[in-house]
C-alpha atoms as a PDB file:
ATOM      1  CA  UNK A   1     -28.821  19.773 -71.787  1.00  0.00           C
ATOM      2  CA  UNK A   2     -25.338  21.197 -71.842  1.00  0.00           C
ATOM      3  CA  UNK A   3     -22.259  20.793 -70.480  1.00  0.00           C
ATOM      4  CA  UNK A   4     -19.126  23.319 -70.352  1.00  0.00           C
ATOM      5  CA  UNK A   5     -17.610  21.852 -73.470  1.00  0.00           C
ATOM      6  CA  UNK A   6     -20.237  20.625 -75.948  1.00  0.00           C
ATOM      7  CA  UNK A   7     -24.385  20.552 -76.692  1.00  0.00           C
ATOM      8  CA  UNK A   8     -25.990  17.477 -76.597  1.00  0.00           C
ATOM      9  CA  UNK A   9     -28.328  16.839 -79.611  1.00  0.00           C
ATOM     10  CA  UNK A  10     -32.062  17.455 -78.610  1.00  0.00           C
ATOM     11  CA  UNK A  11     -32.748  13.067 -79.755  1.00  0.00           C
ATOM     12  CA  UNK A  12     -31.109  10.478 -80.424  1.00  0.00           C
ATOM     13  CA  UNK A  13     -27.584   8.903 -78.563  1.00  0.00           C
ATOM     14  CA  UNK A  14     -25.348   6.283 -79.348  1.00  0.00           C
ATOM     15  CA  UNK A  15     -26.569   3.394 -81.556  1.00  0.00           C
ATOM     16  CA  UNK A  16     -25.207   0.861 -78.809  1.00  0.00           C
ATOM     17  CA  UNK A  17     -25.902  -3.558 -80.353  1.00  0.00           C
ATOM     18  CA  UNK A  18     -26.241  -5.473 -77.502  1.00  0.00           C
ATOM     19  CA  UNK A  19     -26.251  -2.741 -75.129  1.00  0.00           C
ATOM     20  CA  UNK A  20     -26.626  -4.640 -71.916  1.00  0.00           C
ATOM     21  CA  UNK A  21     -24.365  -8.077 -72.754  1.00  0.00           C
ATOM     22  CA  UNK A  22     -21.726  -4.916 -73.142  1.00  0.00           C
ATOM     23  CA  UNK A  23     -22.245  -3.611 -69.708  1.00  0.00           C
ATOM     24  CA  UNK A  24     -22.110  -6.629 -68.011  1.00  0.00           C
ATOM     25  CA  UNK A  25     -18.756  -7.438 -69.766  1.00  0.00           C
ATOM     26  CA  UNK A  26     -17.882  -4.317 -69.231  1.00  0.00           C
ATOM     27  CA  UNK A  27     -18.349  -4.611 -65.168  1.00  0.00           C
ATOM     28  CA  UNK A  28     -16.993  -7.932 -65.417  1.00  0.00           C
ATOM     29  CA  UNK A  29     -13.411  -6.818 -66.524  1.00  0.00           C
ATOM     30  CA  UNK A  30     -13.874  -4.309 -63.735  1.00  0.00           C
ATOM     31  CA  UNK A  31     -14.920  -6.588 -61.096  1.00  0.00           C
ATOM     32  CA  UNK A  32     -11.961  -9.247 -61.925  1.00  0.00           C
ATOM     33  CA  UNK A  33      -9.659  -6.678 -62.188  1.00  0.00           C
ATOM     34  CA  UNK A  34     -10.877  -5.042 -58.564  1.00  0.00           C
ATOM     35  CA  UNK A  35     -11.630  -8.150 -57.114  1.00  0.00           C
ATOM     36  CA  UNK A  36      -8.740 -10.598 -57.403  1.00  0.00           C
ATOM     37  CA  UNK A  37      -7.876 -14.329 -58.044  1.00  0.00           C
ATOM     38  CA  UNK A  38     -10.601 -14.933 -55.252  1.00  0.00           C
ATOM     39  CA  UNK A  39     -13.699 -13.811 -57.398  1.00  0.00           C
ATOM     40  CA  UNK A  40     -12.359 -15.339 -60.654  1.00  0.00           C
ATOM     41  CA  UNK A  41     -12.455 -18.559 -59.016  1.00  0.00           C
ATOM     42  CA  UNK A  42     -15.986 -18.046 -57.767  1.00  0.00           C
ATOM     43  CA  UNK A  43     -17.248 -17.389 -61.028  1.00  0.00           C
ATOM     44  CA  UNK A  44     -15.579 -20.124 -62.845  1.00  0.00           C
ATOM     45  CA  UNK A  45     -17.448 -22.562 -60.381  1.00  0.00           C
ATOM     46  CA  UNK A  46     -15.489 -22.518 -57.516  1.00  0.00           C
ATOM     47  CA  UNK A  47     -18.579 -21.101 -55.353  1.00  0.00           C
ATOM     48  CA  UNK A  48     -22.354 -21.717 -56.184  1.00  0.00           C
ATOM     49  CA  UNK A  49     -24.339 -18.804 -58.031  1.00  0.00           C
ATOM     50  CA  UNK A  50     -25.978 -17.546 -54.717  1.00  0.00           C
ATOM     51  CA  UNK A  51     -22.658 -16.669 -53.365  1.00  0.00           C
ATOM     52  CA  UNK A  52     -20.901 -15.536 -56.160  1.00  0.00           C
ATOM     53  CA  UNK A  53     -23.920 -12.924 -57.053  1.00  0.00           C
ATOM     54  CA  UNK A  54     -23.441 -11.838 -52.934  1.00  0.00           C
ATOM     55  CA  UNK A  55     -20.073 -10.982 -53.521  1.00  0.00           C
ATOM     56  CA  UNK A  56     -20.001  -8.593 -56.564  1.00  0.00           C
ATOM     57  CA  UNK A  57     -23.419  -6.895 -55.434  1.00  0.00           C
ATOM     58  CA  UNK A  58     -21.950  -6.203 -51.835  1.00  0.00           C
ATOM     59  CA  UNK A  59     -18.361  -4.857 -53.765  1.00  0.00           C
ATOM     60  CA  UNK A  60     -20.636  -2.754 -56.288  1.00  0.00           C
ATOM     61  CA  UNK A  61     -22.573  -1.533 -53.058  1.00  0.00           C
ATOM     62  CA  UNK A  62     -19.175  -0.372 -51.295  1.00  0.00           C
ATOM     63  CA  UNK A  63     -17.613   0.718 -54.440  1.00  0.00           C
ATOM     64  CA  UNK A  64     -20.400   2.193 -56.764  1.00  0.00           C
ATOM     65  CA  UNK A  65     -17.490   4.479 -58.965  1.00  0.00           C
ATOM     66  CA  UNK A  66     -16.987   1.532 -61.162  1.00  0.00           C
ATOM     67  CA  UNK A  67     -19.814   1.513 -62.464  1.00  0.00           C
ATOM     68  CA  UNK A  68     -19.204   4.640 -64.314  1.00  0.00           C
ATOM     69  CA  UNK A  69     -15.778   3.169 -65.369  1.00  0.00           C
ATOM     70  CA  UNK A  70     -17.170   0.276 -66.695  1.00  0.00           C
ATOM     71  CA  UNK A  71     -19.550   1.842 -68.826  1.00  0.00           C
ATOM     72  CA  UNK A  72     -17.018   4.793 -69.820  1.00  0.00           C
ATOM     73  CA  UNK A  73     -14.701   1.666 -70.787  1.00  0.00           C
ATOM     74  CA  UNK A  74     -17.785  -0.096 -73.136  1.00  0.00           C
ATOM     75  CA  UNK A  75     -18.556   2.703 -74.884  1.00  0.00           C
ATOM     76  CA  UNK A  76     -15.018   3.362 -75.537  1.00  0.00           C
ATOM     77  CA  UNK A  77     -15.000   0.147 -77.376  1.00  0.00           C
ATOM     78  CA  UNK A  78     -17.893   0.800 -79.091  1.00  0.00           C
ATOM     79  CA  UNK A  79     -17.384   4.000 -80.213  1.00  0.00           C
ATOM     80  CA  UNK A  80     -12.868   2.547 -81.645  1.00  0.00           C
ATOM     81  CA  UNK A  81     -15.345  -0.158 -83.452  1.00  0.00           C
ATOM     82  CA  UNK A  82     -17.498   2.452 -85.108  1.00  0.00           C
ATOM     83  CA  UNK A  83     -14.615   4.449 -86.427  1.00  0.00           C
ATOM     84  CA  UNK A  84     -13.146   1.451 -87.747  1.00  0.00           C
ATOM     85  CA  UNK A  85     -15.817   0.172 -89.324  1.00  0.00           C
ATOM     86  CA  UNK A  86     -17.145   3.416 -90.879  1.00  0.00           C
ATOM     87  CA  UNK A  87     -13.382   4.736 -91.637  1.00  0.00           C
ATOM     88  CA  UNK A  88     -14.409   5.065 -95.305  1.00  0.00           C
ATOM     89  CA  UNK A  89     -17.379   7.082 -95.421  1.00  0.00           C
ATOM     90  CA  UNK A  90     -16.150   8.939 -92.039  1.00  0.00           C
ATOM     91  CA  UNK A  91     -13.229  10.780 -94.126  1.00  0.00           C
ATOM     92  CA  UNK A  92     -15.162  10.858 -97.574  1.00  0.00           C
ATOM     93  CA  UNK A  93     -16.230  14.703 -97.529  1.00  0.00           C
ATOM     94  CA  UNK A  94     -19.394  16.225 -98.761  1.00  0.00           C
ATOM     95  CA  UNK A  95     -18.085  17.773-102.651  1.00  0.00           C
ATOM     96  CA  UNK A  96     -15.503  20.758-100.985  1.00  0.00           C
ATOM     97  CA  UNK A  97     -16.556  20.571 -96.924  1.00  0.00           C
ATOM     98  CA  UNK A  98     -12.656  19.771 -96.347  1.00  0.00           C
ATOM     99  CA  UNK A  99      -9.945  21.797 -96.001  1.00  0.00           C
ATOM    100  CA  UNK A 100      -5.524  20.807 -95.749  1.00  0.00           C
ATOM    101  CA  UNK A 101      -3.850  18.786 -97.285  1.00  0.00           C
ATOM    102  CA  UNK A 102      -6.077  16.428 -99.850  1.00  0.00           C
ATOM    103  CA  UNK A 103      -4.236  13.259 -99.653  1.00  0.00           C
ATOM    104  CA  UNK A 104      -3.310  14.249 -95.748  1.00  0.00           C
ATOM    105  CA  UNK A 105      -1.579  11.345 -93.464  1.00  0.00           C
ATOM    106  CA  UNK A 106      -3.997  12.154 -90.822  1.00  0.00           C
ATOM    107  CA  UNK A 107      -7.692  12.934 -91.107  1.00  0.00           C
ATOM    108  CA  UNK A 108      -9.511  15.237 -88.476  1.00  0.00           C
ATOM    109  CA  UNK A 109     -13.577  14.771 -88.752  1.00  0.00           C
ATOM    110  CA  UNK A 110     -15.008  17.304 -86.877  1.00  0.00           C
ATOM    111  CA  UNK A 111     -19.650  16.890 -86.990  1.00  0.00           C
ATOM    112  CA  UNK A 112     -20.853  19.918 -85.850  1.00  0.00           C
ATOM    113  CA  UNK A 113     -23.826  22.613 -86.379  1.00  0.00           C
ATOM    114  CA  UNK A 114     -23.872  26.451 -86.784  1.00  0.00           C
ATOM    115  CA  UNK A 115     -26.501  26.957 -83.796  1.00  0.00           C
ATOM    116  CA  UNK A 116     -24.030  25.285 -81.892  1.00  0.00           C
ATOM    117  CA  UNK A 117     -21.560  28.134 -79.691  1.00  0.00           C
ATOM    118  CA  UNK A 118     -19.320  25.209 -78.886  1.00  0.00           C
ATOM    119  CA  UNK A 119     -18.183  24.774 -82.447  1.00  0.00           C
ATOM    120  CA  UNK A 120     -17.834  28.574 -82.628  1.00  0.00           C
ATOM    121  CA  UNK A 121     -15.638  28.798 -79.706  1.00  0.00           C
ATOM    122  CA  UNK A 122     -13.636  25.668 -81.291  1.00  0.00           C
ATOM    123  CA  UNK A 123     -13.611  26.961 -84.888  1.00  0.00           C
ATOM    124  CA  UNK A 124     -10.452  29.259 -84.416  1.00  0.00           C
ATOM    125  CA  UNK A 125      -8.464  26.148 -83.411  1.00  0.00           C
ATOM    126  CA  UNK A 126      -9.048  23.917 -85.708  1.00  0.00           C
ATOM    127  CA  UNK A 127      -8.096  26.807 -88.422  1.00  0.00           C
ATOM    128  CA  UNK A 128      -4.898  27.194 -86.155  1.00  0.00           C
ATOM    129  CA  UNK A 129      -4.423  23.178 -86.437  1.00  0.00           C
ATOM    130  CA  UNK A 130      -4.621  24.208 -90.760  1.00  0.00           C
ATOM    131  CA  UNK A 131      -2.729  26.543 -91.000  1.00  0.00           C
ATOM    132  CA  UNK A 132       0.220  24.873 -88.899  1.00  0.00           C
ATOM    133  CA  UNK A 133       0.152  21.106 -89.931  1.00  0.00           C
ATOM    134  CA  UNK A 134       0.532  21.159 -93.805  1.00  0.00           C
ATOM    135  CA  UNK A 135       0.127  17.039 -93.487  1.00  0.00           C
ATOM    136  CA  UNK A 136      -3.769  17.964 -92.096  1.00  0.00           C
ATOM    137  CA  UNK A 137      -6.342  17.296 -93.914  1.00  0.00           C
ATOM    138  CA  UNK A 138     -10.118  18.472 -92.028  1.00  0.00           C
ATOM    139  CA  UNK A 139     -13.249  16.804 -92.889  1.00  0.00           C
ATOM    140  CA  UNK A 140     -16.425  18.636 -91.716  1.00  0.00           C
ATOM    141  CA  UNK A 141     -20.042  16.783 -91.354  1.00  0.00           C
ATOM    142  CA  UNK A 142     -23.101  18.557 -90.931  1.00  0.00           C
ATOM    143  CA  UNK A 143     -24.908  17.701 -87.830  1.00  0.00           C
ATOM    144  CA  UNK A 144     -28.141  20.107 -87.241  1.00  0.00           C
ATOM    145  CA  UNK A 145     -29.677  18.965 -83.873  1.00  0.00           C
ATOM    146  CA  UNK A 146     -30.222  22.134 -82.444  1.00  0.00           C
ATOM    147  CA  UNK A 147     -33.958  23.352 -83.752  1.00  0.00           C
ATOM    148  CA  UNK A 148     -34.454  24.557 -87.798  1.00  0.00           C
ATOM    149  CA  UNK A 149     -31.952  27.478 -88.005  1.00  0.00           C
ATOM    150  CA  UNK A 150     -29.479  24.385 -88.062  1.00  0.00           C
ATOM    151  CA  UNK A 151     -31.418  22.455 -90.691  1.00  0.00           C
ATOM    152  CA  UNK A 152     -31.594  25.483 -92.542  1.00  0.00           C
ATOM    153  CA  UNK A 153     -28.127  26.615 -92.288  1.00  0.00           C
ATOM    154  CA  UNK A 154     -27.263  22.697 -93.070  1.00  0.00           C
ATOM    155  CA  UNK A 155     -28.864  22.776 -96.566  1.00  0.00           C
ATOM    156  CA  UNK A 156     -27.033  26.198 -97.177  1.00  0.00           C
ATOM    157  CA  UNK A 157     -23.763  25.008 -95.966  1.00  0.00           C
ATOM    158  CA  UNK A 158     -24.492  21.612 -98.340  1.00  0.00           C
ATOM    159  CA  UNK A 159     -25.282  23.519-101.217  1.00  0.00           C
ATOM    160  CA  UNK A 160     -22.307  25.811-100.707  1.00  0.00           C
ATOM    161  CA  UNK A 161     -20.364  22.604-100.884  1.00  0.00           C
ATOM    162  CA  UNK A 162     -22.106  21.396-103.973  1.00  0.00           C
ATOM    163  CA  UNK A 163     -20.846  24.668-105.692  1.00  0.00           C
ATOM    164  CA  UNK A 164     -17.777  24.744-104.106  1.00  0.00           C
ATOM    165  CA  UNK A 165     -17.662  27.402-102.391  1.00  0.00           C
ATOM    166  CA  UNK A 166     -17.873  25.681 -98.688  1.00  0.00           C
ATOM    167  CA  UNK A 167     -14.837  27.176 -97.090  1.00  0.00           C
ATOM    168  CA  UNK A 168     -16.103  31.124 -98.082  1.00  0.00           C
ATOM    169  CA  UNK A 169     -20.028  30.204 -96.353  1.00  0.00           C
ATOM    170  CA  UNK A 170     -18.246  28.216 -93.346  1.00  0.00           C
ATOM    171  CA  UNK A 171     -15.960  31.222 -93.072  1.00  0.00           C
ATOM    172  CA  UNK A 172     -18.615  33.544 -93.215  1.00  0.00           C
ATOM    173  CA  UNK A 173     -21.203  32.233 -90.997  1.00  0.00           C
ATOM    174  CA  UNK A 174     -19.230  31.800 -88.060  1.00  0.00           C
ATOM    175  CA  UNK A 175     -18.096  35.024 -88.585  1.00  0.00           C
ATOM    176  CA  UNK A 176     -21.493  36.340 -88.154  1.00  0.00           C
ATOM    177  CA  UNK A 177     -22.752  34.811 -85.234  1.00  0.00           C
ATOM    178  CA  UNK A 178     -25.643  32.655 -84.603  1.00  0.00           C
ATOM    179  CA  UNK A 179     -27.676  31.303 -87.733  1.00  0.00           C
ATOM    180  CA  UNK A 180     -30.832  33.173 -87.834  1.00  0.00           C
ATOM    181  CA  UNK A 181     -32.784  33.797 -91.340  1.00  0.00           C
ATOM    182  CA  UNK A 182     -30.539  37.256 -91.460  1.00  0.00           C
ATOM    183  CA  UNK A 183     -27.133  35.656 -90.476  1.00  0.00           C
ATOM    184  CA  UNK A 184     -28.015  32.848 -93.229  1.00  0.00           C
ATOM    185  CA  UNK A 185     -28.816  34.905 -95.766  1.00  0.00           C
ATOM    186  CA  UNK A 186     -25.715  37.452 -95.447  1.00  0.00           C
ATOM    187  CA  UNK A 187     -24.019  34.386 -95.534  1.00  0.00           C
ATOM    188  CA  UNK A 188     -24.729  32.765 -99.073  1.00  0.00           C
ATOM    189  CA  UNK A 189     -24.612  36.562-100.390  1.00  0.00           C
ATOM    190  CA  UNK A 190     -21.050  37.426 -99.237  1.00  0.00           C
ATOM    191  CA  UNK A 191     -19.883  33.608-100.501  1.00  0.00           C
ATOM    192  CA  UNK A 192     -21.485  33.414-103.622  1.00  0.00           C
ATOM    193  CA  UNK A 193     -24.127  30.767-103.170  1.00  0.00           C
ATOM    194  CA  UNK A 194     -27.245  30.050-104.763  1.00  0.00           C
ATOM    195  CA  UNK A 195     -29.599  28.754-102.516  1.00  0.00           C
ATOM    196  CA  UNK A 196     -31.900  25.883-103.798  1.00  0.00           C
ATOM    197  CA  UNK A 197     -35.387  25.760-104.165  1.00  0.00           C
ATOM    198  CA  UNK A 198     -35.576  22.680-101.493  1.00  0.00           C
ATOM    199  CA  UNK A 199     -33.111  20.158-100.412  1.00  0.00           C
ATOM    200  CA  UNK A 200     -31.761  17.561-103.088  1.00  0.00           C
ATOM    201  CA  UNK A 201     -31.968  13.964-102.195  1.00  0.00           C
ATOM    202  CA  UNK A 202     -28.465  13.933-102.092  1.00  0.00           C
ATOM    203  CA  UNK A 203     -28.112  16.730 -99.235  1.00  0.00           C
ATOM    204  CA  UNK A 204     -31.000  14.935 -96.965  1.00  0.00           C
ATOM    205  CA  UNK A 205     -29.269  11.580 -97.728  1.00  0.00           C
ATOM    206  CA  UNK A 206     -25.981  13.323 -96.171  1.00  0.00           C
ATOM    207  CA  UNK A 207     -27.621  14.906 -93.254  1.00  0.00           C
ATOM    208  CA  UNK A 208     -29.264  11.175 -92.165  1.00  0.00           C
ATOM    209  CA  UNK A 209     -25.512   9.504 -93.184  1.00  0.00           C
ATOM    210  CA  UNK A 210     -24.161  11.992 -91.122  1.00  0.00           C
ATOM    211  CA  UNK A 211     -26.571  11.061 -87.945  1.00  0.00           C
ATOM    212  CA  UNK A 212     -26.454   7.622 -87.804  1.00  0.00           C
ATOM    213  CA  UNK A 213     -22.673   8.006 -88.248  1.00  0.00           C
ATOM    214  CA  UNK A 214     -22.690  10.288 -84.864  1.00  0.00           C
ATOM    215  CA  UNK A 215     -24.493   7.573 -82.950  1.00  0.00           C
ATOM    216  CA  UNK A 216     -22.399   4.838 -83.981  1.00  0.00           C
ATOM    217  CA  UNK A 217     -19.369   6.737 -82.828  1.00  0.00           C
ATOM    218  CA  UNK A 218     -21.251   7.687 -79.384  1.00  0.00           C
ATOM    219  CA  UNK A 219     -21.203  11.494 -80.307  1.00  0.00           C
ATOM    220  CA  UNK A 220     -23.826  12.770 -77.184  1.00  0.00           C
ATOM    221  CA  UNK A 221     -23.193  16.635 -78.971  1.00  0.00           C
ATOM    222  CA  UNK A 222     -21.793  19.164 -80.893  1.00  0.00           C
ATOM    223  CA  UNK A 223     -18.478  19.348 -81.618  1.00  0.00           C
ATOM    224  CA  UNK A 224     -17.682  15.581 -81.976  1.00  0.00           C
ATOM    225  CA  UNK A 225     -13.924  15.309 -83.467  1.00  0.00           C
ATOM    226  CA  UNK A 226     -12.817  11.345 -84.520  1.00  0.00           C
ATOM    227  CA  UNK A 227      -9.403  11.533 -84.966  1.00  0.00           C
ATOM    228  CA  UNK A 228      -7.626   8.327 -85.785  1.00  0.00           C
ATOM    229  CA  UNK A 229      -8.700   5.654 -83.442  1.00  0.00           C
ATOM    230  CA  UNK A 230     -10.317   8.393 -80.667  1.00  0.00           C
ATOM    231  CA  UNK A 231     -13.431  10.417 -80.910  1.00  0.00           C
ATOM    232  CA  UNK A 232     -13.380  13.518 -78.565  1.00  0.00           C
ATOM    233  CA  UNK A 233     -16.338  15.085 -77.581  1.00  0.00           C
ATOM    234  CA  UNK A 234     -16.939  18.660 -77.254  1.00  0.00           C
ATOM    235  CA  UNK A 235     -15.108  22.189 -77.315  1.00  0.00           C
ATOM    236  CA  UNK A 236     -11.627  20.302 -75.667  1.00  0.00           C
ATOM    237  CA  UNK A 237      -9.657  22.947 -77.142  1.00  0.00           C
ATOM    238  CA  UNK A 238      -6.673  23.406 -79.210  1.00  0.00           C
ATOM    239  CA  UNK A 239      -4.068  20.748 -77.452  1.00  0.00           C
ATOM    240  CA  UNK A 240      -6.128  18.488 -76.828  1.00  0.00           C
ATOM    241  CA  UNK A 241      -6.746  18.182 -80.676  1.00  0.00           C
ATOM    242  CA  UNK A 242      -3.090  18.212 -81.340  1.00  0.00           C
ATOM    243  CA  UNK A 243      -2.323  15.238 -79.082  1.00  0.00           C
ATOM    244  CA  UNK A 244      -4.821  13.297 -81.021  1.00  0.00           C
ATOM    245  CA  UNK A 245      -3.249  14.117 -84.062  1.00  0.00           C
ATOM    246  CA  UNK A 246       0.330  13.302 -83.465  1.00  0.00           C
ATOM    247  CA  UNK A 247      -1.157   9.550 -81.828  1.00  0.00           C
ATOM    248  CA  UNK A 248      -3.131   9.571 -85.093  1.00  0.00           C
ATOM    249  CA  UNK A 249       0.196  10.063 -86.711  1.00  0.00           C
ATOM    250  CA  UNK A 250       2.404   7.843 -84.700  1.00  0.00           C
ATOM    251  CA  UNK A 251       0.085   4.630 -84.998  1.00  0.00           C
ATOM    252  CA  UNK A 252       0.173   4.893 -88.813  1.00  0.00           C
ATOM    253  CA  UNK A 253       4.222   4.803 -88.564  1.00  0.00           C
ATOM    254  CA  UNK A 254       3.965   2.060 -85.964  1.00  0.00           C
END
C-alpha cells in the first residue's frame, strides 16, 4: 500500500500496548469536549448506563469524523511516549551511519529503505539541511521492508558503516538508483566497501532493533523521521523538516 508521501512496510505496524483502552480514552476525550458538560455529568452517574450509551452512540453516528481524530490523538500520544522511552537508542548511530555535528543540539533520526522511492525523493532535502545547519546531527536507521533487494542493500550499508565508509556508500546508492544487484555491487566498489560473506550477528541485531523501534514510534512506512518529540512520516519536504528541527531546538531552550 502506498500514498503520496511514503511507502508502507509489507508487514507489521505500530506496536500499540493496550490499544483498546487507549482508543476508548482518546474517543472519550474527544466526546467530553464535543458533548460538553451534560455528557460529563451523565458519565459521572447522573444518568443510567443505557441512557449514557445511547447519548454516546447517537453522537458518534451523527459525528463520525471524531473517530479518526481520536485515533490520531491516541497515536500521537503513544508515539511521543515511545520516543521519550527509546531516545538514547534512537539517537545512537550504528558505527558511522550518521552525519553533521557529532554533538548536535538536535538529532534527526531517519528510518529508511534503499528501495523506497520517497527516501530517494527526500534525500536532497536531508542533505540540504546538513549543509545549512551546523548544529544538526542526522542518524540513519536501516529499515529494509520492501523485499530481498532492500535487505541485501541494508547488509552492504551496515558493512559500510562498520568500515567507516557509510556516507560514501549511501551517496552512491542514492545517486545510482533502485538497489538492484548491479547497482549495489557498483556502490560497494565505488565506496571501497568489503562485503562480508554473510550478515554478522551485530547486523541482524541492528535491523531487528530498528524494526522494533520503528513500530514503537508508529512508523507506517519509509521514510519516517523522529525529531525532538515529533514523528513525521513520508517525504514531508524540506520546510516541514526544518520547522520540526526549529521546534525541537526551541523546546531544548525552554
